[in-house]
Amino acid sequence: MLRLIFSTIRNIGLGIFVNGAFALQFADGEAKAYWAIAEGIAVMLLAGYAELKAKGANDE
């Protein structure tokens, strides 16, 4: 169940990242697009880290 939750969170982060990259292609480099890319990367990293921590807690 936790794996599904973390996978969903990672996919949300990927969606935010892709939307930010798409906005950069068709905008004049607005700060919001850069923040969206950074936010997407952060969400994906945090989801991956949380999944590893949960997996480590289950191994013990």
N, C-alpha and C. Protein backbone atom coordinates (compact mmCIF):
# COMPACT_ATOMS: atom_id res chain seq x y z
N MET A 1 0.82 -1.20 0.00
CA MET A 1 0.00 0.00 0.00
C MET A 1 0.87 1.26 0.00
N LEU A 2 1.92 1.25 0.84
CA LEU A 2 2.81 2.41 0.86
C LEU A 2 3.50 2.61 -0.47
N ARG A 3 3.85 1.52 -1.12
CA ARG A 3 4.51 1.62 -2.42
C ARG A 3 3.61 2.34 -3.43
N LEU A 4 2.33 2.05 -3.39
CA LEU A 4 1.37 2.71 -4.28
C LEU A 4 1.26 4.20 -3.97
N ILE A 5 1.25 4.54 -2.70
CA ILE A 5 1.17 5.95 -2.31
C ILE A 5 2.41 6.71 -2.78
N PHE A 6 3.60 6.14 -2.54
CA PHE A 6 4.83 6.81 -2.95
C PHE A 6 4.94 6.90 -4.47
N SER A 7 4.48 5.89 -5.16
CA SER A 7 4.49 5.92 -6.62
C SER A 7 3.56 7.02 -7.14
N THR A 8 2.41 7.16 -6.51
CA THR A 8 1.47 8.21 -6.91
C THR A 8 2.07 9.60 -6.67
N ILE A 9 2.72 9.77 -5.53
CA ILE A 9 3.35 11.06 -5.23
C ILE A 9 4.46 11.35 -6.23
N ARG A 10 5.24 10.33 -6.57
CA ARG A 10 6.30 10.52 -7.55
C ARG A 10 5.73 10.91 -8.91
N ASN A 11 4.62 10.31 -9.29
CA ASN A 11 3.99 10.65 -10.57
C ASN A 11 3.45 12.08 -10.56
N ILE A 12 2.94 12.52 -9.43
CA ILE A 12 2.48 13.92 -9.31
C ILE A 12 3.67 14.86 -9.50
N GLY A 13 4.80 14.54 -8.87
CA GLY A 13 6.01 15.34 -9.03
C GLY A 13 6.48 15.38 -10.47
N LEU A 14 6.40 14.23 -11.15
CA LEU A 14 6.78 14.18 -12.56
C LEU A 14 5.86 15.06 -13.40
N GLY A 15 4.57 15.05 -13.09
CA GLY A 15 3.62 15.90 -13.82
C GLY A 15 3.91 17.38 -13.62
N ILE A 16 4.24 17.77 -12.40
CA ILE A 16 4.58 19.16 -12.13
C ILE A 16 5.84 19.55 -12.89
N PHE A 17 6.85 18.66 -12.88
CA PHE A 17 8.09 18.92 -13.60
C PHE A 17 7.85 19.09 -15.09
N VAL A 18 7.08 18.20 -15.68
CA VAL A 18 6.82 18.25 -17.13
C VAL A 18 6.04 19.52 -17.48
N ASN A 19 5.07 19.90 -16.65
CA ASN A 19 4.33 21.13 -16.91
C ASN A 19 5.23 22.35 -16.84
N GLY A 20 6.18 22.35 -15.90
CA GLY A 20 7.12 23.47 -15.82
C GLY A 20 8.02 23.54 -17.04
N ALA A 21 8.50 22.37 -17.50
CA ALA A 21 9.34 22.34 -18.69
C ALA A 21 8.55 22.78 -19.92
N PHE A 22 7.30 22.36 -20.01
CA PHE A 22 6.45 22.76 -21.12
C PHE A 22 6.22 24.28 -21.11
N ALA A 23 6.02 24.83 -19.91
CA ALA A 23 5.82 26.28 -19.79
C ALA A 23 7.06 27.04 -20.23
N LEU A 24 8.23 26.50 -19.95
CA LEU A 24 9.46 27.17 -20.37
C LEU A 24 9.60 27.21 -21.88
N GLN A 25 9.10 26.19 -22.56
CA GLN A 25 9.22 26.16 -24.02
C GLN A 25 8.39 27.25 -24.68
N PHE A 26 7.26 27.59 -24.07
CA PHE A 26 6.34 28.52 -24.72
C PHE A 26 6.16 29.84 -23.98
N ALA A 27 7.03 30.08 -23.00
CA ALA A 27 6.97 31.34 -22.27
C ALA A 27 8.35 32.00 -22.37
N ASP A 28 8.42 33.18 -21.86
CA ASP A 28 9.68 33.92 -21.90
C ASP A 28 10.48 33.70 -20.62
N GLY A 29 10.59 32.45 -20.20
CA GLY A 29 11.40 32.11 -19.03
C GLY A 29 10.87 32.69 -17.73
N GLU A 30 9.58 32.57 -17.52
CA GLU A 30 9.00 33.12 -16.30
C GLU A 30 9.48 32.34 -15.08
N ALA A 31 9.57 33.02 -13.97
CA ALA A 31 10.05 32.40 -12.73
C ALA A 31 9.14 31.27 -12.27
N LYS A 32 7.86 31.37 -12.56
CA LYS A 32 6.92 30.32 -12.14
C LYS A 32 7.26 28.99 -12.79
N ALA A 33 7.73 29.01 -14.02
CA ALA A 33 8.09 27.76 -14.70
C ALA A 33 9.32 27.14 -14.03
N TYR A 34 10.30 27.96 -13.67
CA TYR A 34 11.48 27.44 -12.98
C TYR A 34 11.10 26.86 -11.62
N TRP A 35 10.21 27.55 -10.91
CA TRP A 35 9.75 27.04 -9.61
C TRP A 35 8.99 25.74 -9.77
N ALA A 36 8.22 25.58 -10.83
CA ALA A 36 7.48 24.34 -11.08
C ALA A 36 8.45 23.18 -11.33
N ILE A 37 9.50 23.45 -12.08
CA ILE A 37 10.49 22.40 -12.33
C ILE A 37 11.18 22.00 -11.03
N ALA A 38 11.60 22.98 -10.24
CA ALA A 38 12.26 22.69 -8.96
C ALA A 38 11.32 21.96 -8.02
N GLU A 39 10.07 22.37 -7.98
CA GLU A 39 9.08 21.72 -7.12
C GLU A 39 8.85 20.27 -7.54
N GLY A 40 8.76 20.03 -8.85
CA GLY A 40 8.57 18.67 -9.34
C GLY A 40 9.73 17.76 -8.98
N ILE A 41 10.95 18.27 -9.12
CA ILE A 41 12.13 17.49 -8.75
C ILE A 41 12.14 17.20 -7.26
N ALA A 42 11.82 18.21 -6.46
CA ALA A 42 11.80 18.03 -5.00
C ALA A 42 10.75 17.00 -4.58
N VAL A 43 9.58 17.05 -5.16
CA VAL A 43 8.52 16.10 -4.82
C VAL A 43 8.95 14.68 -5.19
N MET A 44 9.55 14.52 -6.36
CA MET A 44 10.00 13.18 -6.77
C MET A 44 11.10 12.66 -5.86
N LEU A 45 12.04 13.53 -5.48
CA LEU A 45 13.12 13.11 -4.59
C LEU A 45 12.59 12.73 -3.21
N LEU A 46 11.69 13.54 -2.68
CA LEU A 46 11.13 13.24 -1.37
C LEU A 46 10.31 11.95 -1.37
N ALA A 47 9.58 11.71 -2.44
CA ALA A 47 8.81 10.47 -2.53
C ALA A 47 9.74 9.26 -2.60
N GLY A 48 10.81 9.37 -3.35
CA GLY A 48 11.78 8.28 -3.43
C GLY A 48 12.47 8.04 -2.10
N TYR A 49 12.84 9.12 -1.42
CA TYR A 49 13.48 8.99 -0.11
C TYR A 49 12.53 8.37 0.90
N ALA A 50 11.29 8.80 0.91
CA ALA A 50 10.30 8.25 1.84
C ALA A 50 10.06 6.77 1.55
N GLU A 51 10.06 6.40 0.29
CA GLU A 51 9.87 4.99 -0.06
C GLU A 51 11.04 4.15 0.43
N LEU A 52 12.26 4.66 0.29
CA LEU A 52 13.44 3.94 0.77
C LEU A 52 13.40 3.81 2.30
N LYS A 53 13.01 4.88 2.98
CA LYS A 53 12.92 4.83 4.44
C LYS A 53 11.87 3.83 4.88
N ALA A 54 10.73 3.81 4.20
CA ALA A 54 9.66 2.88 4.56
C ALA A 54 10.08 1.44 4.28
N LYS A 55 10.81 1.25 3.18
CA LYS A 55 11.28 -0.09 2.84
C LYS A 55 12.30 -0.57 3.88
N GLY A 56 13.16 0.35 4.34
CA GLY A 56 14.14 0.02 5.37
C GLY A 56 13.47 -0.30 6.69
N ALA A 57 12.39 0.39 7.02
CA ALA A 57 11.67 0.14 8.26
C ALA A 57 10.97 -1.21 8.21
N ASN A 58 10.54 -1.63 7.02
CA ASN A 58 9.87 -2.92 6.88
C ASN A 58 10.86 -4.09 6.92
N ASP A 59 12.11 -3.82 6.55
CA ASP A 59 13.11 -4.89 6.54
C ASP A 59 13.56 -5.28 7.93
N GLU A 60 13.43 -4.38 8.88
CA GLU A 60 13.90 -4.64 10.26
C GLU A 60 13.00 -5.55 11.02
